[in-house]
Amino acid sequence: MMDINEIKRMNKDAEDKARQTKTLPLIAKKDKDTDIRNIPFIGDYIPKGWTKTDNLYFVDNSGFGVEDEPALTFRQFIDKIKKGFGYAIVECGQFQVYIQEFKKI
């Protein structure tokens, strides 16, 4: 089990790497885009030309989540995807992630 310090370190490392490589959110090509599986992990980094929307999703990343739990299953998350918006992991725990929705400015 990961402790909070390990989770914070992982998130900071992801932010630093995303900043260095100028990683961008993955852009959905259509509503409910199932090809959005390789969402980048960017931590607190906000890429130039992008802004966060009000949509932050708590999503199961273990593959074992069920639909009545607080974290969305991947299928439930896919139903929220909107064409033209970007998606990136901003925080990662052991079994769940927070996925931020972004839009171009």
N, C-alpha and C. Protein backbone atom coordinates (compact mmCIF):
# COMPACT_ATOMS: atom_id res chain seq x y z
N MET A 1 0.85 -1.18 0.00
CA MET A 1 0.00 0.00 0.00
C MET A 1 0.89 1.24 0.00
N MET A 2 0.56 2.21 -0.82
CA MET A 2 1.35 3.44 -0.90
C MET A 2 0.95 4.38 0.24
N ASP A 3 1.95 5.05 0.82
CA ASP A 3 1.61 6.07 1.81
C ASP A 3 1.47 7.41 1.11
N ILE A 4 0.98 8.39 1.84
CA ILE A 4 0.68 9.70 1.26
C ILE A 4 1.93 10.38 0.70
N ASN A 5 3.07 10.18 1.34
CA ASN A 5 4.31 10.79 0.84
C ASN A 5 4.71 10.23 -0.51
N GLU A 6 4.51 8.94 -0.70
CA GLU A 6 4.81 8.31 -1.99
C GLU A 6 3.88 8.84 -3.08
N ILE A 7 2.61 8.98 -2.75
CA ILE A 7 1.64 9.51 -3.71
C ILE A 7 2.01 10.95 -4.09
N LYS A 8 2.36 11.77 -3.11
CA LYS A 8 2.76 13.16 -3.38
C LYS A 8 4.01 13.21 -4.26
N ARG A 9 4.98 12.33 -3.98
CA ARG A 9 6.21 12.28 -4.77
C ARG A 9 5.91 11.91 -6.21
N MET A 10 5.07 10.90 -6.41
CA MET A 10 4.71 10.47 -7.76
C MET A 10 4.02 11.60 -8.54
N ASN A 11 3.13 12.30 -7.87
CA ASN A 11 2.42 13.40 -8.53
C ASN A 11 3.36 14.54 -8.89
N LYS A 12 4.30 14.87 -8.00
CA LYS A 12 5.28 15.92 -8.27
C LYS A 12 6.20 15.50 -9.42
N ASP A 13 6.64 14.26 -9.42
CA ASP A 13 7.49 13.76 -10.51
C ASP A 13 6.77 13.85 -11.85
N ALA A 14 5.48 13.50 -11.87
CA ALA A 14 4.69 13.58 -13.11
C ALA A 14 4.59 15.03 -13.58
N GLU A 15 4.36 15.95 -12.64
CA GLU A 15 4.28 17.37 -13.00
C GLU A 15 5.60 17.86 -13.60
N ASP A 16 6.70 17.51 -12.95
CA ASP A 16 8.02 17.95 -13.43
C ASP A 16 8.30 17.40 -14.84
N LYS A 17 8.01 16.14 -15.05
CA LYS A 17 8.24 15.52 -16.36
C LYS A 17 7.35 16.15 -17.43
N ALA A 18 6.07 16.39 -17.10
CA ALA A 18 5.14 17.00 -18.05
C ALA A 18 5.59 18.41 -18.41
N ARG A 19 6.08 19.15 -17.44
CA ARG A 19 6.56 20.51 -17.69
C ARG A 19 7.79 20.49 -18.62
N GLN A 20 8.70 19.57 -18.37
CA GLN A 20 9.92 19.46 -19.19
C GLN A 20 9.60 19.05 -20.62
N THR A 21 8.66 18.14 -20.78
CA THR A 21 8.35 17.60 -22.11
C THR A 21 7.18 18.33 -22.77
N LYS A 22 6.60 19.30 -22.04
CA LYS A 22 5.45 20.07 -22.54
C LYS A 22 4.31 19.15 -22.98
N THR A 23 4.03 18.17 -22.11
CA THR A 23 2.97 17.20 -22.37
C THR A 23 1.61 17.89 -22.43
N LEU A 24 0.81 17.51 -23.39
CA LEU A 24 -0.52 18.08 -23.57
C LEU A 24 -1.58 17.07 -23.16
N PRO A 25 -2.76 17.55 -22.77
CA PRO A 25 -3.87 16.62 -22.51
C PRO A 25 -4.21 15.85 -23.79
N LEU A 26 -4.76 14.68 -23.62
CA LEU A 26 -5.21 13.87 -24.75
C LEU A 26 -6.56 14.41 -25.21
N ILE A 27 -6.68 14.73 -26.49
CA ILE A 27 -7.89 15.34 -27.02
C ILE A 27 -8.85 14.27 -27.53
N ALA A 28 -10.10 14.35 -27.09
CA ALA A 28 -11.14 13.42 -27.54
C ALA A 28 -11.53 13.77 -28.98
N LYS A 29 -11.57 12.76 -29.83
CA LYS A 29 -11.93 12.96 -31.24
C LYS A 29 -13.45 12.93 -31.45
N LYS A 30 -14.17 12.41 -30.47
CA LYS A 30 -15.63 12.35 -30.57
C LYS A 30 -16.18 12.21 -29.15
N ASP A 31 -17.46 12.46 -28.97
CA ASP A 31 -18.09 12.22 -27.67
C ASP A 31 -17.95 10.73 -27.34
N LYS A 32 -17.75 10.44 -26.08
CA LYS A 32 -17.60 9.06 -25.60
C LYS A 32 -16.48 8.32 -26.33
N ASP A 33 -15.38 9.01 -26.58
CA ASP A 33 -14.23 8.48 -27.32
C ASP A 33 -13.55 7.37 -26.53
N THR A 34 -13.71 6.13 -26.95
CA THR A 34 -13.10 5.00 -26.24
C THR A 34 -11.61 4.88 -26.49
N ASP A 35 -11.08 5.65 -27.45
CA ASP A 35 -9.64 5.61 -27.73
C ASP A 35 -8.85 6.47 -26.74
N ILE A 36 -9.51 7.01 -25.75
CA ILE A 36 -8.86 7.92 -24.81
C ILE A 36 -8.27 7.15 -23.62
N ARG A 37 -7.69 6.01 -23.91
CA ARG A 37 -7.16 5.13 -22.86
C ARG A 37 -5.79 5.53 -22.34
N ASN A 38 -4.98 6.17 -23.12
CA ASN A 38 -3.62 6.50 -22.70
C ASN A 38 -3.51 7.97 -22.29
N ILE A 39 -4.30 8.33 -21.31
CA ILE A 39 -4.33 9.70 -20.82
C ILE A 39 -3.01 10.01 -20.11
N PRO A 40 -2.37 11.12 -20.44
CA PRO A 40 -1.10 11.45 -19.80
C PRO A 40 -1.29 11.86 -18.35
N PHE A 41 -0.27 11.61 -17.56
CA PHE A 41 -0.23 11.98 -16.15
C PHE A 41 0.60 13.26 -16.06
N ILE A 42 -0.03 14.39 -15.77
CA ILE A 42 0.68 15.67 -15.78
C ILE A 42 0.75 16.36 -14.41
N GLY A 43 0.16 15.77 -13.39
CA GLY A 43 0.18 16.40 -12.07
C GLY A 43 -0.49 17.77 -12.11
N ASP A 44 0.12 18.75 -11.46
CA ASP A 44 -0.44 20.11 -11.40
C ASP A 44 -0.05 20.99 -12.57
N TYR A 45 0.67 20.45 -13.53
CA TYR A 45 1.09 21.22 -14.70
C TYR A 45 -0.12 21.60 -15.56
N ILE A 46 -0.19 22.86 -15.95
CA ILE A 46 -1.23 23.31 -16.88
C ILE A 46 -0.52 23.76 -18.16
N PRO A 47 -0.67 23.01 -19.24
CA PRO A 47 0.03 23.33 -20.48
C PRO A 47 -0.39 24.70 -21.03
N LYS A 48 0.56 25.38 -21.65
CA LYS A 48 0.29 26.67 -22.27
C LYS A 48 -0.80 26.49 -23.33
N GLY A 49 -1.76 27.42 -23.32
CA GLY A 49 -2.85 27.36 -24.30
C GLY A 49 -4.04 26.55 -23.85
N TRP A 50 -3.99 26.03 -22.64
CA TRP A 50 -5.08 25.20 -22.10
C TRP A 50 -5.55 25.79 -20.78
N THR A 51 -6.79 25.52 -20.43
CA THR A 51 -7.34 25.89 -19.13
C THR A 51 -8.19 24.73 -18.61
N LYS A 52 -8.25 24.62 -17.29
CA LYS A 52 -9.08 23.58 -16.69
C LYS A 52 -10.55 23.96 -16.81
N THR A 53 -11.40 22.97 -17.03
CA THR A 53 -12.84 23.18 -16.93
C THR A 53 -13.22 22.88 -15.47
N ASP A 54 -14.50 22.96 -15.18
CA ASP A 54 -14.98 22.62 -13.83
C ASP A 54 -15.09 21.11 -13.63
N ASN A 55 -14.81 20.33 -14.68
CA ASN A 55 -14.99 18.88 -14.61
C ASN A 55 -13.72 18.17 -14.19
N LEU A 56 -13.74 17.62 -13.00
CA LEU A 56 -12.66 16.81 -12.45
C LEU A 56 -13.28 15.47 -12.09
N TYR A 57 -12.77 14.38 -12.66
CA TYR A 57 -13.38 13.07 -12.49
C TYR A 57 -12.52 12.17 -11.61
N PHE A 58 -13.17 11.52 -10.66
CA PHE A 58 -12.54 10.54 -9.77
C PHE A 58 -12.82 9.17 -10.39
N VAL A 59 -11.77 8.50 -10.86
CA VAL A 59 -11.94 7.31 -11.69
C VAL A 59 -11.13 6.14 -11.15
N ASP A 60 -11.74 4.98 -11.12
CA ASP A 60 -11.05 3.75 -10.74
C ASP A 60 -10.00 3.42 -11.79
N ASN A 61 -8.78 3.10 -11.37
CA ASN A 61 -7.76 2.70 -12.35
C ASN A 61 -7.30 1.26 -12.13
N SER A 62 -7.98 0.54 -11.25
CA SER A 62 -7.60 -0.85 -10.99
C SER A 62 -8.26 -1.81 -11.96
N GLY A 63 -9.39 -1.40 -12.53
CA GLY A 63 -10.15 -2.29 -13.39
C GLY A 63 -11.12 -3.17 -12.61
N PHE A 64 -11.13 -3.02 -11.29
CA PHE A 64 -12.00 -3.84 -10.46
C PHE A 64 -13.15 -3.06 -9.84
N GLY A 65 -13.26 -1.76 -10.15
CA GLY A 65 -14.33 -0.93 -9.60
C GLY A 65 -15.68 -1.34 -10.14
N VAL A 66 -16.72 -1.03 -9.37
CA VAL A 66 -18.08 -1.30 -9.81
C VAL A 66 -18.86 0.01 -9.81
N GLU A 67 -19.97 0.01 -10.51
CA GLU A 67 -20.69 1.25 -10.79
C GLU A 67 -21.33 1.93 -9.59
N ASP A 68 -21.46 1.26 -8.46
CA ASP A 68 -22.08 1.92 -7.32
C ASP A 68 -21.04 2.44 -6.32
N GLU A 69 -19.78 2.47 -6.69
CA GLU A 69 -18.73 3.02 -5.84
C GLU A 69 -18.52 4.50 -6.16
N PRO A 70 -17.87 5.23 -5.25
CA PRO A 70 -17.64 6.67 -5.49
C PRO A 70 -16.82 6.95 -6.74
N ALA A 71 -15.81 6.13 -7.02
CA ALA A 71 -14.99 6.33 -8.21
C ALA A 71 -15.73 5.79 -9.43
N LEU A 72 -15.69 6.56 -10.51
CA LEU A 72 -16.30 6.11 -11.76
C LEU A 72 -15.56 4.90 -12.31
N THR A 73 -16.28 3.99 -12.92
CA THR A 73 -15.62 2.94 -13.68
C THR A 73 -15.12 3.57 -14.99
N PHE A 74 -14.27 2.87 -15.71
CA PHE A 74 -13.79 3.42 -16.97
C PHE A 74 -14.97 3.66 -17.92
N ARG A 75 -15.92 2.76 -17.97
CA ARG A 75 -17.10 2.91 -18.83
C ARG A 75 -17.90 4.16 -18.43
N GLN A 76 -18.08 4.39 -17.14
CA GLN A 76 -18.79 5.59 -16.69
C GLN A 76 -18.02 6.85 -17.07
N PHE A 77 -16.70 6.79 -16.97
CA PHE A 77 -15.88 7.94 -17.35
C PHE A 77 -16.01 8.22 -18.85
N ILE A 78 -15.94 7.17 -19.66
CA ILE A 78 -16.06 7.32 -21.12
C ILE A 78 -17.35 8.05 -21.48
N ASP A 79 -18.42 7.78 -20.76
CA ASP A 79 -19.71 8.43 -21.04
C ASP A 79 -19.66 9.95 -20.82
N LYS A 80 -18.65 10.43 -20.11
CA LYS A 80 -18.52 11.87 -19.82
C LYS A 80 -17.61 12.59 -20.82
N ILE A 81 -16.87 11.84 -21.63
CA ILE A 81 -15.92 12.41 -22.59
C ILE A 81 -16.64 13.25 -23.64
N LYS A 82 -16.07 14.43 -23.93
CA LYS A 82 -16.68 15.32 -24.93
C LYS A 82 -15.67 15.65 -26.03
N LYS A 83 -16.14 15.58 -27.25
CA LYS A 83 -15.32 15.87 -28.43
C LYS A 83 -14.63 17.23 -28.29
N GLY A 84 -13.33 17.23 -28.61
CA GLY A 84 -12.56 18.46 -28.64
C GLY A 84 -11.97 18.89 -27.31
N PHE A 85 -12.38 18.26 -26.23
CA PHE A 85 -11.81 18.58 -24.93
C PHE A 85 -10.60 17.69 -24.67
N GLY A 86 -9.70 18.17 -23.82
CA GLY A 86 -8.51 17.41 -23.46
C GLY A 86 -8.67 16.80 -22.08
N TYR A 87 -7.99 15.68 -21.86
CA TYR A 87 -8.08 14.96 -20.59
C TYR A 87 -6.69 14.54 -20.15
N ALA A 88 -6.41 14.75 -18.85
CA ALA A 88 -5.12 14.37 -18.30
C ALA A 88 -5.29 13.98 -16.84
N ILE A 89 -4.48 13.04 -16.40
CA ILE A 89 -4.47 12.65 -14.99
C ILE A 89 -3.71 13.72 -14.22
N VAL A 90 -4.34 14.23 -13.17
CA VAL A 90 -3.70 15.27 -12.37
C VAL A 90 -3.31 14.77 -10.99
N GLU A 91 -3.85 13.64 -10.59
CA GLU A 91 -3.46 13.03 -9.33
C GLU A 91 -3.69 11.54 -9.42
N CYS A 92 -2.74 10.78 -8.90
CA CYS A 92 -2.81 9.33 -9.01
C CYS A 92 -2.57 8.69 -7.65
N GLY A 93 -3.50 7.85 -7.25
CA GLY A 93 -3.34 7.05 -6.04
C GLY A 93 -3.10 5.61 -6.45
N GLN A 94 -3.21 4.72 -5.49
CA GLN A 94 -2.94 3.32 -5.78
C GLN A 94 -4.05 2.67 -6.62
N PHE A 95 -5.30 3.07 -6.38
CA PHE A 95 -6.41 2.41 -7.06
C PHE A 95 -7.32 3.36 -7.82
N GLN A 96 -7.15 4.67 -7.64
CA GLN A 96 -7.97 5.66 -8.32
C GLN A 96 -7.11 6.80 -8.83
N VAL A 97 -7.65 7.51 -9.81
CA VAL A 97 -6.98 8.70 -10.35
C VAL A 97 -8.00 9.83 -10.43
N TYR A 98 -7.49 11.06 -10.44
CA TYR A 98 -8.30 12.22 -10.77
C TYR A 98 -7.94 12.62 -12.19
N ILE A 99 -8.95 12.71 -13.03
CA ILE A 99 -8.76 13.11 -14.43
C ILE A 99 -9.41 14.48 -14.61
N GLN A 100 -8.59 15.43 -15.04
CA GLN A 100 -9.06 16.79 -15.27
C GLN A 100 -9.46 16.96 -16.72
N GLU A 101 -10.56 17.65 -16.95
CA GLU A 101 -10.95 18.00 -18.30
C GLU A 101 -10.38 19.41 -18.59
N PHE A 102 -9.81 19.59 -19.78
CA PHE A 102 -9.21 20.84 -20.20
C PHE A 102 -9.87 21.31 -21.49
N LYS A 103 -9.81 22.61 -21.73
CA LYS A 103 -10.21 23.13 -23.03
C LYS A 103 -9.14 24.10 -23.49
N LYS A 104 -9.02 24.21 -24.83
CA LYS A 104 -8.04 25.14 -25.42
C LYS A 104 -8.54 26.56 -25.22
N ILE A 105 -7.57 27.47 -25.02
CA ILE A 105 -7.94 28.88 -24.89
C ILE A 105 -7.35 29.67 -26.03
